[in-house]
Structure formats: structure tokens, C-alpha cells
N, C-alpha and C. Protein backbone atom coordinates (compact mmCIF):
# COMPACT_ATOMS: atom_id res chain seq x y z
N MET A 1 28.79 -18.15 -2.29
CA MET A 1 30.29 -19.14 -2.74
C MET A 1 30.34 -20.13 -2.16
N THR A 2 29.81 -20.47 -0.68
CA THR A 2 30.19 -21.76 0.27
C THR A 2 29.14 -22.85 -0.55
N THR A 3 27.68 -22.14 -0.86
CA THR A 3 26.84 -22.76 -1.16
C THR A 3 27.39 -23.27 -2.20
N PHE A 4 27.64 -22.72 -3.36
CA PHE A 4 28.27 -23.23 -5.10
C PHE A 4 29.52 -24.01 -4.48
N LEU A 5 29.79 -24.23 -3.35
CA LEU A 5 31.25 -25.17 -3.22
C LEU A 5 30.74 -26.35 -2.45
N ALA A 6 30.04 -26.38 -1.62
CA ALA A 6 29.17 -27.84 -1.32
C ALA A 6 28.50 -28.40 -2.53
N ILE A 7 27.54 -27.75 -2.80
CA ILE A 7 27.19 -28.47 -4.30
C ILE A 7 27.98 -28.65 -5.43
N ALA A 8 28.74 -28.07 -5.70
CA ALA A 8 30.37 -28.32 -6.69
C ALA A 8 30.58 -29.76 -6.30
N GLU A 9 31.22 -30.00 -4.83
CA GLU A 9 31.72 -31.28 -4.59
C GLU A 9 31.05 -32.01 -4.32
N ASN A 10 29.13 -31.94 -4.26
CA ASN A 10 28.76 -32.91 -4.29
C ASN A 10 28.28 -33.44 -5.57
N SER A 11 28.31 -32.45 -6.14
CA SER A 11 28.24 -32.83 -7.78
C SER A 11 29.32 -33.43 -9.29
N LYS A 12 30.72 -33.49 -7.90
CA LYS A 12 31.88 -33.43 -8.83
C LYS A 12 32.32 -33.24 -10.02
N LEU A 13 31.57 -31.86 -9.55
CA LEU A 13 32.12 -30.78 -10.82
C LEU A 13 33.99 -30.36 -10.72
N GLU A 14 34.58 -30.45 -11.53
CA GLU A 14 35.69 -30.45 -11.54
C GLU A 14 35.65 -28.33 -11.99
N PHE A 15 36.63 -27.73 -11.56
CA PHE A 15 36.37 -26.59 -11.78
C PHE A 15 37.85 -25.67 -11.32
N GLN A 16 38.58 -25.14 -12.11
CA GLN A 16 39.46 -24.45 -11.73
C GLN A 16 39.51 -22.69 -11.03
N SER A 17 38.36 -22.47 -11.42
CA SER A 17 38.40 -21.01 -10.18
C SER A 17 36.97 -20.26 -10.01
N PHE A 18 36.41 -19.77 -9.22
CA PHE A 18 35.14 -18.93 -8.83
C PHE A 18 35.27 -17.83 -8.65
N GLN A 19 34.85 -17.13 -8.94
CA GLN A 19 35.37 -15.82 -9.03
C GLN A 19 33.41 -14.90 -8.56
N SER A 20 32.64 -14.46 -8.24
CA SER A 20 31.58 -13.65 -7.99
C SER A 20 31.56 -11.99 -8.14
N LYS A 21 30.78 -11.29 -8.47
CA LYS A 21 30.96 -9.91 -8.67
C LYS A 21 29.23 -9.23 -7.88
N ALA A 22 28.70 -8.93 -7.71
CA ALA A 22 27.53 -8.08 -7.16
C ALA A 22 27.34 -6.81 -7.37
N ILE A 23 26.23 -6.05 -7.65
CA ILE A 23 26.21 -4.74 -7.75
C ILE A 23 24.46 -4.95 -7.26
N GLY A 24 24.33 -3.86 -6.16
CA GLY A 24 23.09 -3.03 -5.30
C GLY A 24 22.41 -1.71 -6.31
N LYS A 25 21.11 -1.84 -6.48
CA LYS A 25 20.02 -0.55 -6.62
C LYS A 25 20.13 0.13 -5.69
N LEU A 26 20.16 1.28 -5.43
CA LEU A 26 19.75 0.96 -4.08
C LEU A 26 19.01 2.94 -4.66
N GLU A 27 17.59 2.31 -4.29
CA GLU A 27 16.08 3.35 -4.81
C GLU A 27 15.47 4.05 -3.04
N MET A 28 14.68 4.68 -3.71
CA MET A 28 14.02 5.93 -2.47
C MET A 28 12.72 4.92 -2.78
N ILE A 29 12.10 4.13 -2.36
CA ILE A 29 11.25 3.07 -2.06
C ILE A 29 9.76 3.66 -0.79
N GLU A 30 8.94 4.54 -0.77
CA GLU A 30 8.21 4.47 0.27
C GLU A 30 8.60 5.49 1.28
N ASP A 31 9.47 6.34 0.75
CA ASP A 31 10.05 7.40 1.63
C ASP A 31 11.59 6.97 2.45
N LYS A 32 12.00 5.86 1.95
CA LYS A 32 13.25 5.25 2.41
C LYS A 32 14.04 4.20 1.55
N LEU A 33 15.70 4.50 1.68
CA LEU A 33 16.63 3.96 0.91
C LEU A 33 16.12 2.95 0.88
N MET A 34 16.92 2.16 -0.05
CA MET A 34 16.33 0.45 -0.25
C MET A 34 17.04 -0.18 -1.40
N ILE A 35 17.67 -1.24 -0.81
CA ILE A 35 18.59 -2.37 -1.72
C ILE A 35 17.42 -2.60 -2.98
N SER A 36 16.93 -2.23 -3.79
CA SER A 36 15.88 -2.67 -4.46
C SER A 36 16.09 -4.15 -5.33
N THR A 37 16.93 -4.14 -6.15
CA THR A 37 17.90 -5.13 -7.27
C THR A 37 19.03 -5.52 -6.73
N ILE A 38 19.98 -7.00 -6.41
CA ILE A 38 21.27 -7.12 -6.69
C ILE A 38 21.58 -8.44 -7.80
N THR A 39 22.39 -7.62 -8.29
CA THR A 39 22.49 -8.28 -9.77
C THR A 39 23.93 -9.10 -9.20
N LEU A 40 23.51 -10.92 -8.94
CA LEU A 40 24.30 -11.19 -9.10
C LEU A 40 25.54 -11.70 -10.52
N MET A 41 26.40 -11.90 -10.76
CA MET A 41 27.29 -12.32 -11.44
C MET A 41 28.84 -13.29 -11.28
N PRO A 42 28.22 -14.33 -11.10
CA PRO A 42 29.38 -15.63 -10.87
C PRO A 42 30.16 -16.19 -11.84
N THR A 43 31.16 -16.04 -12.38
CA THR A 43 31.73 -16.84 -13.13
C THR A 43 32.93 -18.23 -12.69
N VAL A 44 32.75 -19.67 -13.43
CA VAL A 44 32.96 -20.42 -13.01
C VAL A 44 34.29 -20.59 -14.42
N GLN A 45 35.80 -21.13 -13.83
CA GLN A 45 36.56 -21.16 -15.39
C GLN A 45 36.37 -23.19 -14.53
N ILE A 46 36.06 -23.99 -15.82
CA ILE A 46 36.38 -24.94 -16.11
C ILE A 46 37.55 -25.57 -17.44
N ALA A 47 37.94 -26.80 -17.19
CA ALA A 47 38.83 -27.37 -18.31
C ALA A 47 38.25 -27.76 -19.32
N ASP A 48 37.38 -28.07 -19.32
CA ASP A 48 36.36 -29.43 -20.47
C ASP A 48 35.29 -28.72 -20.62
N GLU A 49 35.16 -28.85 -21.65
CA GLU A 49 33.79 -28.52 -22.36
C GLU A 49 32.93 -28.88 -21.71
N LEU A 50 32.60 -30.17 -22.24
CA LEU A 50 31.82 -31.41 -21.41
C LEU A 50 30.86 -31.56 -19.85
N GLN A 51 32.20 -30.17 -19.21
CA GLN A 51 31.95 -29.99 -18.05
C GLN A 51 30.41 -29.05 -17.37
N LYS A 52 30.85 -28.54 -18.80
CA LYS A 52 29.97 -26.87 -18.90
C LYS A 52 28.07 -27.10 -18.52
N GLU A 53 27.36 -28.21 -18.93
CA GLU A 53 26.32 -28.33 -18.46
C GLU A 53 26.04 -28.73 -17.28
N ARG A 54 26.86 -29.19 -16.29
CA ARG A 54 27.06 -29.55 -15.41
C ARG A 54 27.27 -28.31 -14.40
N ALA A 55 28.60 -27.52 -14.86
CA ALA A 55 28.81 -26.50 -14.25
C ALA A 55 26.99 -25.57 -14.11
N GLU A 56 26.75 -25.14 -14.88
CA GLU A 56 25.31 -24.91 -15.00
C GLU A 56 24.62 -25.20 -14.31
N LYS A 57 24.03 -26.47 -14.08
CA LYS A 57 23.04 -27.00 -12.81
C LYS A 57 23.82 -26.70 -11.74
N VAL A 58 24.47 -26.82 -11.89
CA VAL A 58 25.55 -26.65 -10.28
C VAL A 58 25.51 -24.42 -9.74
N LEU A 59 25.80 -23.85 -10.88
CA LEU A 59 25.27 -22.36 -10.22
C LEU A 59 24.24 -22.17 -10.30
N HIS A 60 22.86 -22.75 -10.89
CA HIS A 60 21.83 -22.46 -10.86
C HIS A 60 21.49 -23.26 -9.38
N LYS A 61 21.34 -24.54 -9.32
CA LYS A 61 21.18 -25.32 -7.56
C LYS A 61 21.95 -24.41 -6.74
N ALA A 62 22.70 -23.50 -6.34
CA ALA A 62 23.22 -22.86 -5.67
C ALA A 62 22.43 -21.29 -5.62
N ALA A 63 22.11 -21.41 -6.61
CA ALA A 63 21.48 -19.77 -6.32
C ALA A 63 20.22 -20.21 -5.84
N ALA A 64 19.31 -21.22 -5.80
CA ALA A 64 18.32 -22.09 -5.27
C ALA A 64 18.12 -22.04 -3.65
N ALA A 65 19.36 -22.56 -3.83
CA ALA A 65 19.70 -22.97 -1.94
C ALA A 65 20.37 -22.02 -1.68
N CYS A 66 20.37 -20.67 -1.79
CA CYS A 66 21.76 -19.42 -1.19
C CYS A 66 21.00 -19.39 0.52
N LEU A 67 21.08 -19.80 1.47
CA LEU A 67 20.87 -18.72 2.87
C LEU A 67 20.59 -17.23 2.01
N ILE A 68 21.29 -16.74 2.18
CA ILE A 68 21.52 -15.34 2.08
C ILE A 68 20.25 -14.93 0.89
N THR A 69 20.83 -15.35 -0.48
CA THR A 69 19.36 -15.10 -1.57
C THR A 69 18.15 -15.42 -0.98
N ASN A 70 18.15 -16.09 0.15
CA ASN A 70 16.45 -16.40 -0.19
C ASN A 70 16.13 -15.73 1.60
N SER A 71 16.96 -15.20 2.08
CA SER A 71 16.62 -14.27 3.28
C SER A 71 16.46 -12.33 2.85
N ILE A 72 16.36 -11.97 2.11
CA ILE A 72 16.67 -11.17 1.95
C ILE A 72 15.38 -10.66 0.78
N LYS A 73 14.80 -9.87 0.86
CA LYS A 73 13.75 -9.06 0.44
C LYS A 73 13.98 -8.59 -1.12
N SER A 74 15.37 -8.58 -1.59
CA SER A 74 15.59 -7.48 -2.69
C SER A 74 15.14 -8.31 -3.63
N LYS A 75 15.01 -8.06 -4.58
CA LYS A 75 14.75 -8.75 -6.22
C LYS A 75 16.56 -9.42 -6.73
N ILE A 76 16.22 -10.72 -6.95
CA ILE A 76 17.85 -11.11 -7.39
C ILE A 76 17.83 -11.02 -8.69
N ILE A 77 18.73 -10.86 -10.17
CA ILE A 77 19.18 -10.85 -10.77
C ILE A 77 19.68 -12.44 -11.00
N PHE A 78 19.83 -13.31 -11.61
CA PHE A 78 21.22 -14.07 -11.59
C PHE A 78 21.92 -14.03 -13.29
N LEU A 79 23.16 -13.63 -13.10
CA LEU A 79 23.78 -13.45 -14.41
C LEU A 79 24.89 -14.19 -14.60
N PRO A 80 25.29 -16.04 -14.85
CA PRO A 80 26.31 -16.74 -14.32
C PRO A 80 26.88 -17.07 -15.54
N GLU A 81 28.32 -16.93 -15.45
CA GLU A 81 29.20 -17.15 -16.62
C GLU A 81 30.12 -18.14 -16.88
N ILE A 82 30.34 -19.09 -17.53
CA ILE A 82 31.00 -20.06 -17.35
C ILE A 82 31.69 -20.10 -18.79
N ILE A 83 33.04 -20.04 -17.88
CA ILE A 83 34.59 -19.85 -18.97
C ILE A 83 35.36 -21.00 -18.92
N VAL A 84 34.96 -22.00 -20.29
CA VAL A 84 36.33 -22.83 -20.65
C VAL A 84 37.26 -22.82 -21.35
N ALA A 85 38.71 -22.88 -20.08
CA ALA A 85 39.88 -22.46 -20.55
C ALA A 85 40.58 -23.52 -20.42
N ILE A 86 41.45 -24.38 -21.12
CA ILE A 86 42.39 -25.45 -21.18
C ILE A 86 44.15 -24.94 -20.33
N MET A 87 43.23 -24.98 -19.15
CA MET A 87 45.29 -24.52 -18.94
C MET A 87 46.31 -25.23 -19.01
N ALA A 88 47.60 -24.64 -19.65
CA ALA A 88 48.79 -25.24 -20.00
C ALA A 88 49.72 -25.91 -19.16
N GLU A 89 49.75 -27.14 -19.58
CA GLU A 89 50.72 -27.55 -18.01
C GLU A 89 52.39 -27.83 -18.67
């Protein structure tokens, strides 16, 4: 989330909300329990369809630059979602 927030700010991405969910797969590998796969599912809500491409780029840049993701051995599956929802005024 911290990486996303920094890149979103630098990219001037206006978003309404950010949430992320992760699921880890625990397996016995070489007689040891390991988290073999982590599926990351960030969701970004934006108000303007014109920001969708920018939001996609920011999410992918954040995934590539994430210190934690780049520091672990587990396979990472990245499944971002962008929701366009105009808020009532």
C-alpha cells in the first residue's frame, strides 16, 4: 500500500479508495511447510473512467517496485481490480 500511495501521488492519480486482500498457499515442500504462492488482489476505486489506464499503470508499477514483494521467495500472483464509481455529491 505504501508503494502504491507514493506512486499514485507522483503520477497524479486521483482515487477514492484503495483496498487490498492477499491469500497465501501453504504447502509442504522438501519436508518443510512453506508459503509457496501469494495472490495479491488490490482494488482501487476511481471516479473517472479517463483515469482507468493511469490507475492500471500505477498498480503495476507499485507491484514491480514493492520492497516486500521483491524480498520474498514465494510466487506472487497479481490480480488488480479497478472500479469506476462516481460518488454522489
